[in-house]
Amino acid sequence: MTSVVKRAFEGYVNGHSGKTSVARRASIVWGCVVGLCAAFQARAYDRVASIGESPISAEADAAGGHGMLVDVVRALDRATHSSTKIVLRPFARSLKETAAGHADFHLPLIQNDDSPAPPGLVYVTDVDFGQVQFVIYSRKLAPFDAKTVAGAKIIETEPGHESFFPFPVSVTHCVACSLDKVSLGRADALIVPADIVDPLLSNPKYQGIHRAFYKAYPVRALVPANADSSATRRYLIEGVKRLKETGELWKITGHNQPYVDWQP
């Protein structure tokens, strides 16, 4: 390719071809270079993973993203000697784009046995990334637990988790804001994964928050329902198996730990 480009421009410099001809040849050569570069980039990754953005778990940055789930996918790549392009998207958009075939799998989705997978997607039920513990955060002055929380008037949870509960809940797009509301008595309870809220409880302003275990759910990946996902499934099954055997998955996620009943 280099010699072709060189000859094209040498022809121009030495006057062996007309300006129009040289320009045309140079244009064709550079078009080939760009095309080959694009093709190389397309082949640089074995698959595309779409990760739903979430505090701590997956947050965008200039380096392409960071967080627990980003670390999990990178560890899967190391375990399977392959490469995955990671894209971070707002949660709902990630689900839709994966269902449309723009990504090979979406991560994560906490599976509730009573609810089907989102439209256009199916769970990879052969493997899970551990159990996520949902915790009830209420006030110590008016605490709730799994038996009494149904009686609370204002309960908030993250988008997509509404069907997990047999009682009315409201959706929050700001977990820290909801925790503040609970602390101030403007909401009765917040029910979300412990690994999202527990790190926030080190702040002294949350000393009045009460924790209580609600339920544990498996974390799974989803693949497009209308695509051949056999290769992606193998990657996930083999990769997670290896990470569990070495203990690396648990070092990253901590999702193998039993619930610990502690209070701020």
C-alpha atoms as a PDB file:
ATOM      1  CA  MET A   1       0.000   0.000   0.000  1.00  0.00           C
ATOM      2  CA  THR A   2       2.859   2.386   0.889  1.00  0.00           C
ATOM      3  CA  SER A   3       4.565   1.813  -2.476  1.00  0.00           C
ATOM      4  CA  VAL A   4       1.351   2.567  -4.361  1.00  0.00           C
ATOM      5  CA  VAL A   5       0.948   5.876  -2.550  1.00  0.00           C
ATOM      6  CA  LYS A   6       4.597   6.668  -3.148  1.00  0.00           C
ATOM      7  CA  ARG A   7       4.374   5.964  -6.880  1.00  0.00           C
ATOM      8  CA  ALA A   8       1.257   8.086  -7.202  1.00  0.00           C
ATOM      9  CA  PHE A   9       2.938  11.110  -5.704  1.00  0.00           C
ATOM     10  CA  GLU A  10       6.244  10.485  -7.475  1.00  0.00           C
ATOM     11  CA  GLY A  11       4.293  10.571 -10.731  1.00  0.00           C
ATOM     12  CA  TYR A  12       2.965  13.991  -9.796  1.00  0.00           C
ATOM     13  CA  VAL A  13       6.369  15.352  -8.762  1.00  0.00           C
ATOM     14  CA  ASN A  14       8.176  13.992 -11.844  1.00  0.00           C
ATOM     15  CA  GLY A  15       5.474  15.090 -14.265  1.00  0.00           C
ATOM     16  CA  HIS A  16       4.795  11.572 -15.567  1.00  0.00           C
ATOM     17  CA  SER A  17       1.041  11.966 -15.205  1.00  0.00           C
ATOM     18  CA  GLY A  18      -1.421  14.834 -15.362  1.00  0.00           C
ATOM     19  CA  LYS A  19      -2.624  16.609 -12.258  1.00  0.00           C
ATOM     20  CA  THR A  20      -6.139  15.274 -12.683  1.00  0.00           C
ATOM     21  CA  SER A  21      -4.913  11.700 -13.067  1.00  0.00           C
ATOM     22  CA  VAL A  22      -2.628  11.923 -10.056  1.00  0.00           C
ATOM     23  CA  ALA A  23      -5.301  13.498  -7.902  1.00  0.00           C
ATOM     24  CA  ARG A  24      -7.695  10.762  -8.902  1.00  0.00           C
ATOM     25  CA  ARG A  25      -5.143   8.038  -8.144  1.00  0.00           C
ATOM     26  CA  ALA A  26      -4.234   9.625  -4.816  1.00  0.00           C
ATOM     27  CA  SER A  27      -7.900   9.877  -3.904  1.00  0.00           C
ATOM     28  CA  ILE A  28      -8.408   6.195  -4.647  1.00  0.00           C
ATOM     29  CA  VAL A  29      -5.306   5.209  -2.660  1.00  0.00           C
ATOM     30  CA  TRP A  30      -6.309   7.206   0.394  1.00  0.00           C
ATOM     31  CA  GLY A  31      -9.810   5.823   0.133  1.00  0.00           C
ATOM     32  CA  CYS A  32      -8.333   2.332   0.299  1.00  0.00           C
ATOM     33  CA  VAL A  33      -6.225   3.309   3.320  1.00  0.00           C
ATOM     34  CA  VAL A  34      -9.241   4.693   5.178  1.00  0.00           C
ATOM     35  CA  GLY A  35     -11.301   1.648   4.276  1.00  0.00           C
ATOM     36  CA  LEU A  36      -8.645  -0.743   5.505  1.00  0.00           C
ATOM     37  CA  CYS A  37      -8.287   1.202   8.757  1.00  0.00           C
ATOM     38  CA  ALA A  38     -12.034   1.090   9.314  1.00  0.00           C
ATOM     39  CA  ALA A  39     -12.100  -2.620   8.603  1.00  0.00           C
ATOM     40  CA  PHE A  40      -9.231  -3.180  11.035  1.00  0.00           C
ATOM     41  CA  GLN A  41     -11.048  -1.258  13.759  1.00  0.00           C
ATOM     42  CA  ALA A  42     -14.204  -3.274  13.143  1.00  0.00           C
ATOM     43  CA  ARG A  43     -12.220  -6.491  13.575  1.00  0.00           C
ATOM     44  CA  ALA A  44     -10.409  -5.227  16.686  1.00  0.00           C
ATOM     45  CA  TYR A  45     -13.186  -6.438  18.993  1.00  0.00           C
ATOM     46  CA  ASP A  46     -14.833  -9.840  19.217  1.00  0.00           C
ATOM     47  CA  ARG A  47     -18.104  -8.425  20.513  1.00  0.00           C
ATOM     48  CA  VAL A  48     -19.862  -5.351  21.900  1.00  0.00           C
ATOM     49  CA  ALA A  49     -21.122  -5.133  25.477  1.00  0.00           C
ATOM     50  CA  SER A  50     -23.644  -2.465  26.388  1.00  0.00           C
ATOM     51  CA  ILE A  51     -23.576  -1.629  30.089  1.00  0.00           C
ATOM     52  CA  GLY A  52     -26.349   0.314  31.779  1.00  0.00           C
ATOM     53  CA  GLU A  53     -24.979   3.372  33.551  1.00  0.00           C
ATOM     54  CA  SER A  54     -25.245   3.281  37.337  1.00  0.00           C
ATOM     55  CA  PRO A  55     -23.363   4.948  40.197  1.00  0.00           C
ATOM     56  CA  ILE A  56     -20.292   2.942  41.268  1.00  0.00           C
ATOM     57  CA  SER A  57     -21.142   0.066  38.910  1.00  0.00           C
ATOM     58  CA  ALA A  58     -20.667   1.829  35.560  1.00  0.00           C
ATOM     59  CA  GLU A  59     -19.816   5.491  35.105  1.00  0.00           C
ATOM     60  CA  ALA A  60     -18.596   7.228  31.963  1.00  0.00           C
ATOM     61  CA  ASP A  61     -15.253   9.017  31.853  1.00  0.00           C
ATOM     62  CA  ALA A  62     -12.640  10.154  29.353  1.00  0.00           C
ATOM     63  CA  ALA A  63     -10.929   6.747  29.514  1.00  0.00           C
ATOM     64  CA  GLY A  64     -14.022   4.889  28.319  1.00  0.00           C
ATOM     65  CA  GLY A  65     -15.715   4.201  31.604  1.00  0.00           C
ATOM     66  CA  HIS A  66     -15.017   2.787  35.033  1.00  0.00           C
ATOM     67  CA  GLY A  67     -16.803   0.856  37.735  1.00  0.00           C
ATOM     68  CA  MET A  68     -17.507  -2.659  38.927  1.00  0.00           C
ATOM     69  CA  LEU A  69     -19.280  -3.873  35.774  1.00  0.00           C
ATOM     70  CA  VAL A  70     -16.617  -2.428  33.490  1.00  0.00           C
ATOM     71  CA  ASP A  71     -14.031  -4.303  35.545  1.00  0.00           C
ATOM     72  CA  VAL A  72     -16.077  -7.508  35.231  1.00  0.00           C
ATOM     73  CA  VAL A  73     -16.153  -7.365  31.414  1.00  0.00           C
ATOM     74  CA  ARG A  74     -12.434  -6.639  31.239  1.00  0.00           C
ATOM     75  CA  ALA A  75     -11.789  -9.602  33.536  1.00  0.00           C
ATOM     76  CA  LEU A  76     -13.957 -11.797  31.285  1.00  0.00           C
ATOM     77  CA  ASP A  77     -11.820 -10.753  28.325  1.00  0.00           C
ATOM     78  CA  ARG A  78      -8.647 -11.699  30.148  1.00  0.00           C
ATOM     79  CA  ALA A  79     -10.103 -15.056  31.177  1.00  0.00           C
ATOM     80  CA  THR A  80     -11.224 -15.889  27.619  1.00  0.00           C
ATOM     81  CA  HIS A  81      -8.307 -14.245  25.771  1.00  0.00           C
ATOM     82  CA  SER A  82     -10.692 -12.115  23.734  1.00  0.00           C
ATOM     83  CA  SER A  83     -11.671  -8.463  23.394  1.00  0.00           C
ATOM     84  CA  THR A  84     -14.955  -6.681  24.004  1.00  0.00           C
ATOM     85  CA  LYS A  85     -15.911  -3.149  23.058  1.00  0.00           C
ATOM     86  CA  ILE A  86     -17.636  -1.624  26.081  1.00  0.00           C
ATOM     87  CA  VAL A  87     -20.243   1.082  25.592  1.00  0.00           C
ATOM     88  CA  LEU A  88     -21.986   2.800  28.480  1.00  0.00           C
ATOM     89  CA  ARG A  89     -25.559   3.893  27.931  1.00  0.00           C
ATOM     90  CA  PRO A  90     -28.477   5.112  30.042  1.00  0.00           C
ATOM     91  CA  PHE A  91     -30.138   1.935  31.266  1.00  0.00           C
ATOM     92  CA  ALA A  92     -33.294   2.035  29.136  1.00  0.00           C
ATOM     93  CA  ARG A  93     -31.331   2.957  26.024  1.00  0.00           C
ATOM     94  CA  SER A  94     -28.867   0.115  26.625  1.00  0.00           C
ATOM     95  CA  LEU A  95     -31.715  -2.395  26.731  1.00  0.00           C
ATOM     96  CA  LYS A  96     -33.305  -1.041  23.553  1.00  0.00           C
ATOM     97  CA  GLU A  97     -30.069  -0.887  21.581  1.00  0.00           C
ATOM     98  CA  THR A  98     -29.135  -4.433  22.581  1.00  0.00           C
ATOM     99  CA  ALA A  99     -32.581  -5.689  21.568  1.00  0.00           C
ATOM    100  CA  ALA A 100     -32.086  -3.941  18.218  1.00  0.00           C
ATOM    101  CA  GLY A 101     -28.802  -5.798  17.677  1.00  0.00           C
ATOM    102  CA  HIS A 102     -26.440  -2.857  18.259  1.00  0.00           C
ATOM    103  CA  ALA A 103     -24.718  -4.807  21.038  1.00  0.00           C
ATOM    104  CA  ASP A 104     -24.114  -8.505  21.598  1.00  0.00           C
ATOM    105  CA  PHE A 105     -25.191  -8.426  25.225  1.00  0.00           C
ATOM    106  CA  HIS A 106     -26.457  -6.091  27.904  1.00  0.00           C
ATOM    107  CA  LEU A 107     -25.234  -6.086  31.471  1.00  0.00           C
ATOM    108  CA  PRO A 108     -26.638  -6.121  34.066  1.00  0.00           C
ATOM    109  CA  LEU A 109     -30.210  -7.030  34.761  1.00  0.00           C
ATOM    110  CA  ILE A 110     -31.383  -8.335  38.086  1.00  0.00           C
ATOM    111  CA  GLN A 111     -33.763 -11.178  37.345  1.00  0.00           C
ATOM    112  CA  ASN A 112     -37.054 -11.393  39.137  1.00  0.00           C
ATOM    113  CA  ASP A 113     -38.551 -14.835  38.548  1.00  0.00           C
ATOM    114  CA  ASP A 114     -42.017 -13.313  38.339  1.00  0.00           C
ATOM    115  CA  SER A 115     -41.131 -10.983  35.464  1.00  0.00           C
ATOM    116  CA  PRO A 116     -40.156 -11.786  31.850  1.00  0.00           C
ATOM    117  CA  ALA A 117     -37.095 -10.283  30.176  1.00  0.00           C
ATOM    118  CA  PRO A 118     -37.589  -6.858  28.526  1.00  0.00           C
ATOM    119  CA  PRO A 119     -38.994  -6.890  24.968  1.00  0.00           C
ATOM    120  CA  GLY A 120     -36.598  -8.251  22.345  1.00  0.00           C
ATOM    121  CA  LEU A 121     -34.224  -9.732  24.914  1.00  0.00           C
ATOM    122  CA  VAL A 122     -33.678 -13.046  26.695  1.00  0.00           C
ATOM    123  CA  TYR A 123     -31.804 -13.855  29.881  1.00  0.00           C
ATOM    124  CA  VAL A 124     -28.625 -15.903  29.720  1.00  0.00           C
ATOM    125  CA  THR A 125     -29.874 -18.233  32.440  1.00  0.00           C
ATOM    126  CA  ASP A 126     -26.905 -20.600  32.162  1.00  0.00           C
ATOM    127  CA  VAL A 127     -24.810 -18.218  34.202  1.00  0.00           C
ATOM    128  CA  ASP A 128     -25.173 -15.520  36.829  1.00  0.00           C
ATOM    129  CA  PHE A 129     -22.848 -12.885  38.211  1.00  0.00           C
ATOM    130  CA  GLY A 130     -23.828 -13.546  41.804  1.00  0.00           C
ATOM    131  CA  GLN A 131     -26.692 -12.427  43.983  1.00  0.00           C
ATOM    132  CA  VAL A 132     -27.599  -8.797  44.607  1.00  0.00           C
ATOM    133  CA  GLN A 133     -28.973  -8.021  48.036  1.00  0.00           C
ATOM    134  CA  PHE A 134     -31.822  -5.554  48.073  1.00  0.00           C
ATOM    135  CA  VAL A 135     -31.949  -3.578  51.290  1.00  0.00           C
ATOM    136  CA  ILE A 136     -34.667  -1.427  52.805  1.00  0.00           C
ATOM    137  CA  TYR A 137     -33.370   1.957  53.870  1.00  0.00           C
ATOM    138  CA  SER A 138     -35.657   3.791  56.257  1.00  0.00           C
ATOM    139  CA  ARG A 139     -35.294   6.021  59.311  1.00  0.00           C
ATOM    140  CA  LYS A 140     -34.256   4.635  62.686  1.00  0.00           C
ATOM    141  CA  LEU A 141     -37.093   6.668  64.164  1.00  0.00           C
ATOM    142  CA  ALA A 142     -39.591   4.842  61.884  1.00  0.00           C
ATOM    143  CA  PRO A 143     -37.854   1.646  60.690  1.00  0.00           C
ATOM    144  CA  PHE A 144     -39.274  -0.851  58.211  1.00  0.00           C
ATOM    145  CA  ASP A 145     -38.293  -4.431  57.435  1.00  0.00           C
ATOM    146  CA  ALA A 146     -39.390  -7.028  54.847  1.00  0.00           C
ATOM    147  CA  LYS A 147     -42.544  -7.833  56.828  1.00  0.00           C
ATOM    148  CA  THR A 148     -43.673  -4.268  57.487  1.00  0.00           C
ATOM    149  CA  VAL A 149     -42.471  -2.237  54.480  1.00  0.00           C
ATOM    150  CA  ALA A 150     -45.674  -2.886  52.533  1.00  0.00           C
ATOM    151  CA  GLY A 151     -47.347  -0.540  54.995  1.00  0.00           C
ATOM    152  CA  ALA A 152     -45.079   2.379  54.119  1.00  0.00           C
ATOM    153  CA  LYS A 153     -46.719   5.222  52.206  1.00  0.00           C
ATOM    154  CA  ILE A 154     -43.829   6.474  50.064  1.00  0.00           C
ATOM    155  CA  ILE A 155     -41.343   3.869  48.827  1.00  0.00           C
ATOM    156  CA  GLU A 156     -38.804   4.531  46.079  1.00  0.00           C
ATOM    157  CA  THR A 157     -36.653   2.222  43.936  1.00  0.00           C
ATOM    158  CA  GLU A 158     -34.566   2.394  40.772  1.00  0.00           C
ATOM    159  CA  PRO A 159     -36.062   2.207  37.263  1.00  0.00           C
ATOM    160  CA  GLY A 160     -36.840  -1.329  36.127  1.00  0.00           C
ATOM    161  CA  HIS A 161     -37.298  -2.711  39.625  1.00  0.00           C
ATOM    162  CA  GLU A 162     -40.923  -1.725  40.136  1.00  0.00           C
ATOM    163  CA  SER A 163     -42.188  -5.243  39.366  1.00  0.00           C
ATOM    164  CA  PHE A 164     -40.045  -6.708  42.151  1.00  0.00           C
ATOM    165  CA  PHE A 165     -42.487  -5.547  44.781  1.00  0.00           C
ATOM    166  CA  PRO A 166     -46.114  -6.549  45.445  1.00  0.00           C
ATOM    167  CA  PHE A 167     -46.853  -3.061  46.762  1.00  0.00           C
ATOM    168  CA  PRO A 168     -46.801   0.424  45.178  1.00  0.00           C
ATOM    169  CA  VAL A 169     -43.407   2.034  44.645  1.00  0.00           C
ATOM    170  CA  SER A 170     -42.162   5.183  42.926  1.00  0.00           C
ATOM    171  CA  VAL A 171     -39.162   5.381  40.600  1.00  0.00           C
ATOM    172  CA  THR A 172     -36.138   7.471  41.476  1.00  0.00           C
ATOM    173  CA  HIS A 173     -33.423   8.558  39.058  1.00  0.00           C
ATOM    174  CA  CYS A 174     -31.213   9.816  41.872  1.00  0.00           C
ATOM    175  CA  VAL A 175     -30.544   7.279  44.633  1.00  0.00           C
ATOM    176  CA  ALA A 176     -28.588   9.750  46.756  1.00  0.00           C
ATOM    177  CA  CYS A 177     -31.461  12.232  46.482  1.00  0.00           C
ATOM    178  CA  SER A 178     -33.930   9.558  47.624  1.00  0.00           C
ATOM    179  CA  LEU A 179     -31.705   8.637  50.558  1.00  0.00           C
ATOM    180  CA  ASP A 180     -31.741  12.307  51.541  1.00  0.00           C
ATOM    181  CA  LYS A 181     -35.541  12.286  51.328  1.00  0.00           C
ATOM    182  CA  VAL A 182     -35.721   9.274  53.628  1.00  0.00           C
ATOM    183  CA  SER A 183     -33.303  10.891  56.062  1.00  0.00           C
ATOM    184  CA  LEU A 184     -35.443  14.045  56.130  1.00  0.00           C
ATOM    185  CA  GLY A 185     -38.715  12.123  56.488  1.00  0.00           C
ATOM    186  CA  ARG A 186     -39.997  13.099  53.041  1.00  0.00           C
ATOM    187  CA  ALA A 187     -40.021   9.428  51.957  1.00  0.00           C
ATOM    188  CA  ASP A 188     -40.610   6.367  54.112  1.00  0.00           C
ATOM    189  CA  ALA A 189     -38.238   3.888  52.481  1.00  0.00           C
ATOM    190  CA  LEU A 190     -35.788   3.288  49.662  1.00  0.00           C
ATOM    191  CA  ILE A 191     -35.319  -0.293  48.430  1.00  0.00           C
ATOM    192  CA  VAL A 192     -32.237  -0.757  46.241  1.00  0.00           C
ATOM    193  CA  PRO A 193     -29.128  -2.968  45.976  1.00  0.00           C
ATOM    194  CA  ALA A 194     -26.908  -2.634  49.023  1.00  0.00           C
ATOM    195  CA  ASP A 195     -23.752  -2.052  46.995  1.00  0.00           C
ATOM    196  CA  ILE A 196     -25.228   1.177  45.660  1.00  0.00           C
ATOM    197  CA  VAL A 197     -26.258   2.781  48.934  1.00  0.00           C
ATOM    198  CA  ASP A 198     -24.012   1.218  51.589  1.00  0.00           C
ATOM    199  CA  PRO A 199     -20.929   3.205  50.474  1.00  0.00           C
ATOM    200  CA  LEU A 200     -22.908   6.404  50.996  1.00  0.00           C
ATOM    201  CA  LEU A 201     -23.679   5.570  54.623  1.00  0.00           C
ATOM    202  CA  SER A 202     -20.167   6.478  55.745  1.00  0.00           C
ATOM    203  CA  ASN A 203     -21.333  10.097  55.552  1.00  0.00           C
ATOM    204  CA  PRO A 204     -22.251  11.236  59.103  1.00  0.00           C
ATOM    205  CA  LYS A 205     -25.465  12.829  57.835  1.00  0.00           C
ATOM    206  CA  TYR A 206     -26.895   9.322  57.319  1.00  0.00           C
ATOM    207  CA  GLN A 207     -26.428   8.124  60.890  1.00  0.00           C
ATOM    208  CA  GLY A 208     -30.201   8.171  61.269  1.00  0.00           C
ATOM    209  CA  ILE A 209     -30.725   5.625  58.438  1.00  0.00           C
ATOM    210  CA  HIS A 210     -31.860   2.088  59.276  1.00  0.00           C
ATOM    211  CA  ARG A 211     -30.954  -0.943  57.120  1.00  0.00           C
ATOM    212  CA  ALA A 212     -33.010  -4.137  56.733  1.00  0.00           C
ATOM    213  CA  PHE A 213     -32.645  -7.042  54.295  1.00  0.00           C
ATOM    214  CA  TYR A 214     -35.429  -7.389  51.723  1.00  0.00           C
ATOM    215  CA  LYS A 215     -34.439 -10.131  49.209  1.00  0.00           C
ATOM    216  CA  ALA A 216     -31.555 -11.387  47.043  1.00  0.00           C
ATOM    217  CA  TYR A 217     -31.847 -11.633  43.246  1.00  0.00           C
ATOM    218  CA  PRO A 218     -29.488 -13.127  40.617  1.00  0.00           C
ATOM    219  CA  VAL A 219     -27.638 -10.774  38.258  1.00  0.00           C
ATOM    220  CA  ARG A 220     -27.710 -11.869  34.626  1.00  0.00           C
ATOM    221  CA  ALA A 221     -26.748 -10.737  31.143  1.00  0.00           C
ATOM    222  CA  LEU A 222     -29.253 -10.405  28.317  1.00  0.00           C
ATOM    223  CA  VAL A 223     -28.830 -11.110  24.609  1.00  0.00           C
ATOM    224  CA  PRO A 224     -31.011 -10.165  21.615  1.00  0.00           C
ATOM    225  CA  ALA A 225     -33.926 -12.565  21.209  1.00  0.00           C
ATOM    226  CA  ASN A 226     -33.745 -12.528  17.407  1.00  0.00           C
ATOM    227  CA  ALA A 227     -30.028 -13.158  16.902  1.00  0.00           C
ATOM    228  CA  ASP A 228     -27.674 -16.107  17.051  1.00  0.00           C
ATOM    229  CA  SER A 229     -26.042 -15.519  20.425  1.00  0.00           C
ATOM    230  CA  SER A 230     -24.294 -18.875  20.779  1.00  0.00           C
ATOM    231  CA  ALA A 231     -20.788 -17.350  20.657  1.00  0.00           C
ATOM    232  CA  THR A 232     -21.725 -14.675  23.186  1.00  0.00           C
ATOM    233  CA  ARG A 233     -23.241 -17.273  25.499  1.00  0.00           C
ATOM    234  CA  ARG A 234     -20.065 -19.362  25.361  1.00  0.00           C
ATOM    235  CA  TYR A 235     -17.990 -16.294  26.187  1.00  0.00           C
ATOM    236  CA  LEU A 236     -20.160 -15.473  29.206  1.00  0.00           C
ATOM    237  CA  ILE A 237     -20.476 -19.040  30.489  1.00  0.00           C
ATOM    238  CA  GLU A 238     -16.798 -19.924  30.120  1.00  0.00           C
ATOM    239  CA  GLY A 239     -15.570 -16.544  31.333  1.00  0.00           C
ATOM    240  CA  VAL A 240     -17.737 -16.399  34.444  1.00  0.00           C
ATOM    241  CA  LYS A 241     -16.901 -20.011  35.286  1.00  0.00           C
ATOM    242  CA  ARG A 242     -13.199 -19.217  35.240  1.00  0.00           C
ATOM    243  CA  LEU A 243     -13.630 -16.022  37.253  1.00  0.00           C
ATOM    244  CA  LYS A 244     -15.622 -17.890  39.890  1.00  0.00           C
ATOM    245  CA  GLU A 245     -13.024 -20.660  40.063  1.00  0.00           C
ATOM    246  CA  THR A 246     -10.219 -18.161  40.655  1.00  0.00           C
ATOM    247  CA  GLY A 247     -12.312 -15.981  42.949  1.00  0.00           C
ATOM    248  CA  GLU A 248     -11.680 -12.901  40.806  1.00  0.00           C
ATOM    249  CA  LEU A 249     -15.394 -12.330  40.167  1.00  0.00           C
ATOM    250  CA  TRP A 250     -16.058 -12.084  43.889  1.00  0.00           C
ATOM    251  CA  LYS A 251     -13.099  -9.774  44.426  1.00  0.00           C
ATOM    252  CA  ILE A 252     -14.655  -7.394  41.914  1.00  0.00           C
ATOM    253  CA  THR A 253     -18.336  -7.660  42.835  1.00  0.00           C
ATOM    254  CA  GLY A 254     -18.510  -9.010  46.388  1.00  0.00           C
ATOM    255  CA  HIS A 255     -21.771 -10.686  45.354  1.00  0.00           C
ATOM    256  CA  ASN A 256     -20.922 -13.947  47.082  1.00  0.00           C
ATOM    257  CA  GLN A 257     -21.060 -12.415  50.539  1.00  0.00           C
ATOM    258  CA  PRO A 258     -23.971 -13.193  52.878  1.00  0.00           C
ATOM    259  CA  TYR A 259     -26.051 -10.288  54.154  1.00  0.00           C
ATOM    260  CA  VAL A 260     -24.565  -8.587  57.196  1.00  0.00           C
ATOM    261  CA  ASP A 261     -27.014  -6.795  59.460  1.00  0.00           C
ATOM    262  CA  TRP A 262     -25.145  -3.645  60.421  1.00  0.00           C
ATOM    263  CA  GLN A 263     -26.347  -0.112  61.058  1.00  0.00           C
ATOM    264  CA  PRO A 264     -24.739   3.272  60.361  1.00  0.00           C
END
